[in-house]
């Protein structure tokens, strides 16, 4: 039987992708905080 732990990239991008983050002010705060911190990856996508 197949495990359900595989992780779906579509779901991941829809919930925590860059465009999903930019959709509302809180997500924009997340992106700007990660920019300030100097993160190499701002989001998963």
PDB file of N, CA and C in Angstrom:
ATOM      1  N   UNK A   1       0.836  -1.199   0.000  1.00  0.00           N
ATOM      2  CA  UNK A   1       0.000   0.000   0.000  1.00  0.00           C
ATOM      3  C   UNK A   1       0.878   1.260   0.000  1.00  0.00           C
ATOM      4  N   UNK A   2       0.382   2.282  -0.646  1.00  0.00           N
ATOM      5  CA  UNK A   2       1.149   3.503  -0.769  1.00  0.00           C
ATOM      6  C   UNK A   2       1.006   4.383   0.475  1.00  0.00           C
ATOM      7  N   UNK A   3       2.103   5.022   0.858  1.00  0.00           N
ATOM      8  CA  UNK A   3       2.047   5.942   1.998  1.00  0.00           C
ATOM      9  C   UNK A   3       1.506   7.293   1.553  1.00  0.00           C
ATOM     10  N   UNK A   4       0.878   8.012   2.468  1.00  0.00           N
ATOM     11  CA  UNK A   4       0.303   9.310   2.111  1.00  0.00           C
ATOM     12  C   UNK A   4       1.237  10.450   2.497  1.00  0.00           C
ATOM     13  N   UNK A   5       2.483  10.113   2.799  1.00  0.00           N
ATOM     14  CA  UNK A   5       3.416  11.118   3.298  1.00  0.00           C
ATOM     15  C   UNK A   5       4.237  11.762   2.183  1.00  0.00           C
ATOM     16  N   UNK A   6       3.895  11.438   0.926  1.00  0.00           N
ATOM     17  CA  UNK A   6       4.720  11.870  -0.192  1.00  0.00           C
ATOM     18  C   UNK A   6       4.866  13.369  -0.345  1.00  0.00           C
ATOM     19  N   UNK A   7       3.833  14.126  -0.037  1.00  0.00           N
ATOM     20  CA  UNK A   7       3.899  15.565  -0.195  1.00  0.00           C
ATOM     21  C   UNK A   7       3.565  15.973  -1.610  1.00  0.00           C
ATOM     22  N   UNK A   8       2.552  16.798  -1.781  1.00  0.00           N
ATOM     23  CA  UNK A   8       2.170  17.210  -3.122  1.00  0.00           C
ATOM     24  C   UNK A   8       2.668  18.620  -3.371  1.00  0.00           C
ATOM     25  N   UNK A   9       3.371  18.787  -4.485  1.00  0.00           N
ATOM     26  CA  UNK A   9       3.979  20.077  -4.773  1.00  0.00           C
ATOM     27  C   UNK A   9       2.934  21.132  -5.082  1.00  0.00           C
ATOM     28  N   UNK A  10       1.811  20.752  -5.654  1.00  0.00           N
ATOM     29  CA  UNK A  10       0.770  21.729  -5.978  1.00  0.00           C
ATOM     30  C   UNK A  10       0.201  22.337  -4.701  1.00  0.00           C
ATOM     31  N   UNK A  11      -0.123  21.468  -3.745  1.00  0.00           N
ATOM     32  CA  UNK A  11      -0.660  21.929  -2.461  1.00  0.00           C
ATOM     33  C   UNK A  11       0.354  22.820  -1.737  1.00  0.00           C
ATOM     34  N   UNK A  12       1.612  22.405  -1.780  1.00  0.00           N
ATOM     35  CA  UNK A  12       2.673  23.142  -1.097  1.00  0.00           C
ATOM     36  C   UNK A  12       2.828  24.540  -1.682  1.00  0.00           C
ATOM     37  N   UNK A  13       2.793  24.625  -3.010  1.00  0.00           N
ATOM     38  CA  UNK A  13       2.938  25.920  -3.661  1.00  0.00           C
ATOM     39  C   UNK A  13       1.712  26.790  -3.451  1.00  0.00           C
ATOM     40  N   UNK A  14       0.546  26.164  -3.413  1.00  0.00           N
ATOM     41  CA  UNK A  14      -0.686  26.934  -3.239  1.00  0.00           C
ATOM     42  C   UNK A  14      -0.782  27.541  -1.850  1.00  0.00           C
ATOM     43  N   UNK A  15      -0.257  26.836  -0.856  1.00  0.00           N
ATOM     44  CA  UNK A  15      -0.372  27.343   0.511  1.00  0.00           C
ATOM     45  C   UNK A  15       0.811  28.207   0.905  1.00  0.00           C
ATOM     46  N   UNK A  16       2.017  27.811   0.520  1.00  0.00           N
ATOM     47  CA  UNK A  16       3.188  28.556   0.990  1.00  0.00           C
ATOM     48  C   UNK A  16       4.121  28.979  -0.136  1.00  0.00           C
ATOM     49  N   UNK A  17       3.583  29.098  -1.351  1.00  0.00           N
ATOM     50  CA  UNK A  17       4.372  29.593  -2.471  1.00  0.00           C
ATOM     51  C   UNK A  17       4.469  31.113  -2.433  1.00  0.00           C
ATOM     52  N   UNK A  18       5.285  31.671  -3.313  1.00  0.00           N
ATOM     53  CA  UNK A  18       5.510  33.116  -3.323  1.00  0.00           C
ATOM     54  C   UNK A  18       4.223  33.892  -3.601  1.00  0.00           C
ATOM     55  N   UNK A  19       3.466  33.439  -4.606  1.00  0.00           N
ATOM     56  CA  UNK A  19       2.252  34.174  -4.975  1.00  0.00           C
ATOM     57  C   UNK A  19       1.186  34.061  -3.905  1.00  0.00           C
ATOM     58  N   UNK A  20       1.160  32.938  -3.219  1.00  0.00           N
ATOM     59  CA  UNK A  20       0.214  32.764  -2.113  1.00  0.00           C
ATOM     60  C   UNK A  20       0.565  33.709  -0.970  1.00  0.00           C
ATOM     61  N   UNK A  21       1.862  33.902  -0.725  1.00  0.00           N
ATOM     62  CA  UNK A  21       2.304  34.805   0.331  1.00  0.00           C
ATOM     63  C   UNK A  21       1.966  36.261   0.003  1.00  0.00           C
ATOM     64  N   UNK A  22       2.155  36.630  -1.272  1.00  0.00           N
ATOM     65  CA  UNK A  22       1.924  38.018  -1.663  1.00  0.00           C
ATOM     66  C   UNK A  22       0.435  38.364  -1.705  1.00  0.00           C
ATOM     67  N   UNK A  23      -0.414  37.360  -1.594  1.00  0.00           N
ATOM     68  CA  UNK A  23      -1.850  37.586  -1.721  1.00  0.00           C
ATOM     69  C   UNK A  23      -2.437  38.398  -0.569  1.00  0.00           C
ATOM     70  N   UNK A  24      -1.897  38.268   0.630  1.00  0.00           N
ATOM     71  CA  UNK A  24      -2.437  39.047   1.750  1.00  0.00           C
ATOM     72  C   UNK A  24      -1.308  39.727   2.530  1.00  0.00           C
ATOM     73  N   UNK A  25      -1.635  40.746   3.314  1.00  0.00           N
ATOM     74  CA  UNK A  25      -0.624  41.558   4.009  1.00  0.00           C
ATOM     75  C   UNK A  25       0.285  40.756   4.940  1.00  0.00           C
ATOM     76  N   UNK A  26      -0.272  39.765   5.628  1.00  0.00           N
ATOM     77  CA  UNK A  26       0.545  38.969   6.546  1.00  0.00           C
ATOM     78  C   UNK A  26       1.615  38.180   5.799  1.00  0.00           C
ATOM     79  N   UNK A  27       1.225  37.647   4.650  1.00  0.00           N
ATOM     80  CA  UNK A  27       2.182  36.912   3.832  1.00  0.00           C
ATOM     81  C   UNK A  27       3.261  37.833   3.293  1.00  0.00           C
ATOM     82  N   UNK A  28       2.881  39.060   2.954  1.00  0.00           N
ATOM     83  CA  UNK A  28       3.846  40.045   2.486  1.00  0.00           C
ATOM     84  C   UNK A  28       4.832  40.383   3.588  1.00  0.00           C
ATOM     85  N   UNK A  29       4.342  40.426   4.837  1.00  0.00           N
ATOM     86  CA  UNK A  29       5.234  40.649   5.974  1.00  0.00           C
ATOM     87  C   UNK A  29       6.246  39.521   6.106  1.00  0.00           C
ATOM     88  N   UNK A  30       5.780  38.302   5.858  1.00  0.00           N
ATOM     89  CA  UNK A  30       6.667  37.136   5.921  1.00  0.00           C
ATOM     90  C   UNK A  30       7.795  37.278   4.902  1.00  0.00           C
ATOM     91  N   UNK A  31       7.428  37.622   3.668  1.00  0.00           N
ATOM     92  CA  UNK A  31       8.420  37.760   2.599  1.00  0.00           C
ATOM     93  C   UNK A  31       9.412  38.874   2.916  1.00  0.00           C
ATOM     94  N   UNK A  32       8.895  40.020   3.392  1.00  0.00           N
ATOM     95  CA  UNK A  32       9.786  41.142   3.679  1.00  0.00           C
ATOM     96  C   UNK A  32      10.695  40.837   4.864  1.00  0.00           C
ATOM     97  N   UNK A  33      10.194  40.084   5.841  1.00  0.00           N
ATOM     98  CA  UNK A  33      11.022  39.694   6.983  1.00  0.00           C
ATOM     99  C   UNK A  33      12.153  38.776   6.524  1.00  0.00           C
ATOM    100  N   UNK A  34      11.836  37.866   5.610  1.00  0.00           N
ATOM    101  CA  UNK A  34      12.854  36.950   5.096  1.00  0.00           C
ATOM    102  C   UNK A  34      13.854  37.698   4.221  1.00  0.00           C
ATOM    103  N   UNK A  35      13.395  38.750   3.517  1.00  0.00           N
ATOM    104  CA  UNK A  35      14.307  39.595   2.740  1.00  0.00           C
ATOM    105  C   UNK A  35      15.268  40.325   3.675  1.00  0.00           C
ATOM    106  N   UNK A  36      14.714  40.902   4.759  1.00  0.00           N
ATOM    107  CA  UNK A  36      15.533  41.619   5.737  1.00  0.00           C
ATOM    108  C   UNK A  36      16.592  40.714   6.345  1.00  0.00           C
ATOM    109  N   UNK A  37      16.184  39.502   6.643  1.00  0.00           N
ATOM    110  CA  UNK A  37      17.086  38.543   7.279  1.00  0.00           C
ATOM    111  C   UNK A  37      18.156  38.054   6.307  1.00  0.00           C
ATOM    112  N   UNK A  38      17.875  38.213   5.002  1.00  0.00           N
ATOM    113  CA  UNK A  38      18.840  37.804   3.990  1.00  0.00           C
ATOM    114  C   UNK A  38      18.745  36.332   3.637  1.00  0.00           C
ATOM    115  N   UNK A  39      17.541  35.821   3.682  1.00  0.00           N
ATOM    116  CA  UNK A  39      17.332  34.409   3.347  1.00  0.00           C
ATOM    117  C   UNK A  39      17.617  34.178   1.875  1.00  0.00           C
ATOM    118  N   UNK A  40      18.241  33.019   1.587  1.00  0.00           N
ATOM    119  CA  UNK A  40      18.507  32.656   0.193  1.00  0.00           C
ATOM    120  C   UNK A  40      17.199  32.318  -0.498  1.00  0.00           C
ATOM    121  N   UNK A  41      16.312  31.590   0.198  1.00  0.00           N
ATOM    122  CA  UNK A  41      14.991  31.249  -0.345  1.00  0.00           C
ATOM    123  C   UNK A  41      13.936  32.055   0.383  1.00  0.00           C
ATOM    124  N   UNK A  42      13.156  32.819  -0.357  1.00  0.00           N
ATOM    125  CA  UNK A  42      12.088  33.602   0.263  1.00  0.00           C
ATOM    126  C   UNK A  42      10.857  32.755   0.510  1.00  0.00           C
ATOM    127  N   UNK A  43      10.604  31.805  -0.396  1.00  0.00           N
ATOM    128  CA  UNK A  43       9.458  30.907  -0.245  1.00  0.00           C
ATOM    129  C   UNK A  43       9.797  29.594  -0.936  1.00  0.00           C
ATOM    130  N   UNK A  44       8.857  28.653  -0.906  1.00  0.00           N
ATOM    131  CA  UNK A  44       9.152  27.334  -1.464  1.00  0.00           C
ATOM    132  C   UNK A  44       9.262  27.328  -2.978  1.00  0.00           C
ATOM    133  N   UNK A  45       8.508  28.224  -3.648  1.00  0.00           N
ATOM    134  CA  UNK A  45       8.545  28.197  -5.113  1.00  0.00           C
ATOM    135  C   UNK A  45       9.562  29.188  -5.661  1.00  0.00           C
TER     136      UNK A  45
END
